[in-house]
Amino acid sequence: MTIEPYAGDSAYGPQYGPAVTVRAFVTEKVRTVRDKRGEEVVASTTVYLLPTQDCPPESLVTTPSGRTASVITSALHDGGGLPTPDHREVTLT
C-alpha cells in the first residue's frame, strides 16, 4: 500500500509528502473510533504497519484494493522490550 504523509495545511489546502510504498496487514471492517478531536467517527478499514512506519492522522493511504482513504487515527503499540507483537495501528475513513 502507499502512504502520502500529511505535512500540514497551506493557503491551497492540505499538503502531503512524497508517497511511500509499505507492506501492511489490512482488515476491511467497519467500526466506531474517536478522531483527534474526540468525536466518534466510522472507520471502514484498519491497517497494521511496522512500528517504525510513520503515518500521521489526515495522511492519504491507498490500500492494495486501490481505495484511497484518509487516516483517522494512528497508534503505536509497543511492548517496551517485552515479547509482544509491536506494531502501528492505523484506522481509515
C-alpha atoms as a PDB file:
ATOM      1  CA  MET A   1       0.000   0.000   0.000  1.00  0.00           C
ATOM      2  CA  THR A   2       1.090   3.614  -0.315  1.00  0.00           C
ATOM      3  CA  ILE A   3       1.123   6.401   2.261  1.00  0.00           C
ATOM      4  CA  GLU A   4       1.218  10.105   1.429  1.00  0.00           C
ATOM      5  CA  PRO A   5       2.089  11.609   4.847  1.00  0.00           C
ATOM      6  CA  TYR A   6       0.143  14.692   5.889  1.00  0.00           C
ATOM      7  CA  ALA A   7       2.518  17.676   6.046  1.00  0.00           C
ATOM      8  CA  GLY A   8       0.079  20.428   7.098  1.00  0.00           C
ATOM      9  CA  ASP A   9      -2.252  22.988   5.576  1.00  0.00           C
ATOM     10  CA  SER A  10      -1.400  25.807   3.191  1.00  0.00           C
ATOM     11  CA  ALA A  11      -3.384  28.550   1.515  1.00  0.00           C
ATOM     12  CA  TYR A  12      -4.213  25.981  -1.189  1.00  0.00           C
ATOM     13  CA  GLY A  13      -5.404  23.190   1.130  1.00  0.00           C
ATOM     14  CA  PRO A  14      -3.749  20.155   2.700  1.00  0.00           C
ATOM     15  CA  GLN A  15      -0.146  19.371   1.756  1.00  0.00           C
ATOM     16  CA  TYR A  16       1.295  15.846   1.601  1.00  0.00           C
ATOM     17  CA  GLY A  17       4.814  14.450   1.493  1.00  0.00           C
ATOM     18  CA  PRO A  18       6.070  12.074  -1.193  1.00  0.00           C
ATOM     19  CA  ALA A  19       4.259   8.745  -1.427  1.00  0.00           C
ATOM     20  CA  VAL A  20       5.910   5.802   0.328  1.00  0.00           C
ATOM     21  CA  THR A  21       5.153   2.160  -0.503  1.00  0.00           C
ATOM     22  CA  VAL A  22       4.954  -0.102   2.561  1.00  0.00           C
ATOM     23  CA  ARG A  23       3.871  -3.622   3.473  1.00  0.00           C
ATOM     24  CA  ALA A  24       0.817  -3.875   5.695  1.00  0.00           C
ATOM     25  CA  PHE A  25      -1.852  -6.165   7.083  1.00  0.00           C
ATOM     26  CA  VAL A  26      -5.225  -4.710   6.046  1.00  0.00           C
ATOM     27  CA  THR A  27      -8.650  -5.566   7.513  1.00  0.00           C
ATOM     28  CA  GLU A  28     -11.746  -4.042   5.953  1.00  0.00           C
ATOM     29  CA  LYS A  29     -14.178  -3.992   8.863  1.00  0.00           C
ATOM     30  CA  VAL A  30     -16.483  -1.148   9.879  1.00  0.00           C
ATOM     31  CA  ARG A  31     -16.092   0.087  13.471  1.00  0.00           C
ATOM     32  CA  THR A  32     -16.513   3.262  15.503  1.00  0.00           C
ATOM     33  CA  VAL A  33     -13.385   5.159  16.629  1.00  0.00           C
ATOM     34  CA  ARG A  34     -12.629   8.593  18.070  1.00  0.00           C
ATOM     35  CA  ASP A  35     -10.791  11.101  15.866  1.00  0.00           C
ATOM     36  CA  LYS A  36      -8.145  13.556  17.100  1.00  0.00           C
ATOM     37  CA  ARG A  37     -10.900  15.948  18.257  1.00  0.00           C
ATOM     38  CA  GLY A  38     -12.546  13.206  20.330  1.00  0.00           C
ATOM     39  CA  GLU A  39     -15.584  12.855  18.089  1.00  0.00           C
ATOM     40  CA  GLU A  40     -16.946   9.421  17.197  1.00  0.00           C
ATOM     41  CA  VAL A  41     -16.489   8.580  13.509  1.00  0.00           C
ATOM     42  CA  VAL A  42     -16.881   5.410  11.446  1.00  0.00           C
ATOM     43  CA  ALA A  43     -13.698   3.699  10.283  1.00  0.00           C
ATOM     44  CA  SER A  44     -14.059   1.298   7.376  1.00  0.00           C
ATOM     45  CA  THR A  45     -10.524  -0.122   7.346  1.00  0.00           C
ATOM     46  CA  THR A  46      -7.810  -0.880   9.897  1.00  0.00           C
ATOM     47  CA  VAL A  47      -4.204  -1.218   8.777  1.00  0.00           C
ATOM     48  CA  TYR A  48      -1.330  -2.728  10.782  1.00  0.00           C
ATOM     49  CA  LEU A  49       2.176  -1.487   9.978  1.00  0.00           C
ATOM     50  CA  LEU A  50       5.675  -1.986  11.332  1.00  0.00           C
ATOM     51  CA  PRO A  51       6.173   0.125  14.474  1.00  0.00           C
ATOM     52  CA  THR A  52       8.847   2.231  12.754  1.00  0.00           C
ATOM     53  CA  GLN A  53       6.484   3.347   9.970  1.00  0.00           C
ATOM     54  CA  ASP A  54       5.119   6.865  10.485  1.00  0.00           C
ATOM     55  CA  CYS A  55       1.548   7.508   9.329  1.00  0.00           C
ATOM     56  CA  PRO A  56       0.150  10.716  10.862  1.00  0.00           C
ATOM     57  CA  PRO A  57      -3.596  11.473  11.025  1.00  0.00           C
ATOM     58  CA  GLU A  58      -5.010  13.084   7.850  1.00  0.00           C
ATOM     59  CA  SER A  59      -2.451  11.291   5.639  1.00  0.00           C
ATOM     60  CA  LEU A  60      -3.735   9.696   2.424  1.00  0.00           C
ATOM     61  CA  VAL A  61      -3.471   5.920   2.133  1.00  0.00           C
ATOM     62  CA  THR A  62      -4.095   3.785  -0.941  1.00  0.00           C
ATOM     63  CA  THR A  63      -4.908   0.197   0.031  1.00  0.00           C
ATOM     64  CA  PRO A  64      -3.991  -2.865  -2.055  1.00  0.00           C
ATOM     65  CA  SER A  65      -7.581  -2.912  -3.376  1.00  0.00           C
ATOM     66  CA  GLY A  66      -6.963   0.544  -4.893  1.00  0.00           C
ATOM     67  CA  ARG A  67      -9.175   2.519  -2.491  1.00  0.00           C
ATOM     68  CA  THR A  68      -7.757   5.868  -1.296  1.00  0.00           C
ATOM     69  CA  ALA A  69      -8.753   6.926   2.218  1.00  0.00           C
ATOM     70  CA  SER A  70      -7.788   9.425   4.897  1.00  0.00           C
ATOM     71  CA  VAL A  71      -6.148   8.395   8.185  1.00  0.00           C
ATOM     72  CA  ILE A  72      -8.387   8.927  11.221  1.00  0.00           C
ATOM     73  CA  THR A  73      -6.045   7.630  13.941  1.00  0.00           C
ATOM     74  CA  SER A  74      -2.534   6.257  14.157  1.00  0.00           C
ATOM     75  CA  ALA A  75      -1.463   4.482  17.353  1.00  0.00           C
ATOM     76  CA  LEU A  76       1.841   2.842  18.232  1.00  0.00           C
ATOM     77  CA  HIS A  77       1.542  -0.416  20.215  1.00  0.00           C
ATOM     78  CA  ASP A  78       5.000  -1.017  21.733  1.00  0.00           C
ATOM     79  CA  GLY A  79       5.658  -3.570  24.464  1.00  0.00           C
ATOM     80  CA  GLY A  80       8.780  -1.754  25.661  1.00  0.00           C
ATOM     81  CA  GLY A  81      11.055  -4.731  25.169  1.00  0.00           C
ATOM     82  CA  LEU A  82       8.529  -7.364  26.248  1.00  0.00           C
ATOM     83  CA  PRO A  83       7.984 -10.253  23.813  1.00  0.00           C
ATOM     84  CA  THR A  84       4.863  -8.739  22.226  1.00  0.00           C
ATOM     85  CA  PRO A  85       3.910  -8.101  18.587  1.00  0.00           C
ATOM     86  CA  ASP A  86       4.876  -4.421  18.341  1.00  0.00           C
ATOM     87  CA  HIS A  87       3.038  -2.584  15.550  1.00  0.00           C
ATOM     88  CA  ARG A  88       1.325   0.632  14.460  1.00  0.00           C
ATOM     89  CA  GLU A  89      -2.478   0.510  14.126  1.00  0.00           C
ATOM     90  CA  VAL A  90      -3.985   2.953  11.612  1.00  0.00           C
ATOM     91  CA  THR A  91      -7.718   3.477  11.051  1.00  0.00           C
ATOM     92  CA  LEU A  92      -9.032   4.820   7.742  1.00  0.00           C
ATOM     93  CA  THR A  93     -12.252   6.512   6.610  1.00  0.00           C
END
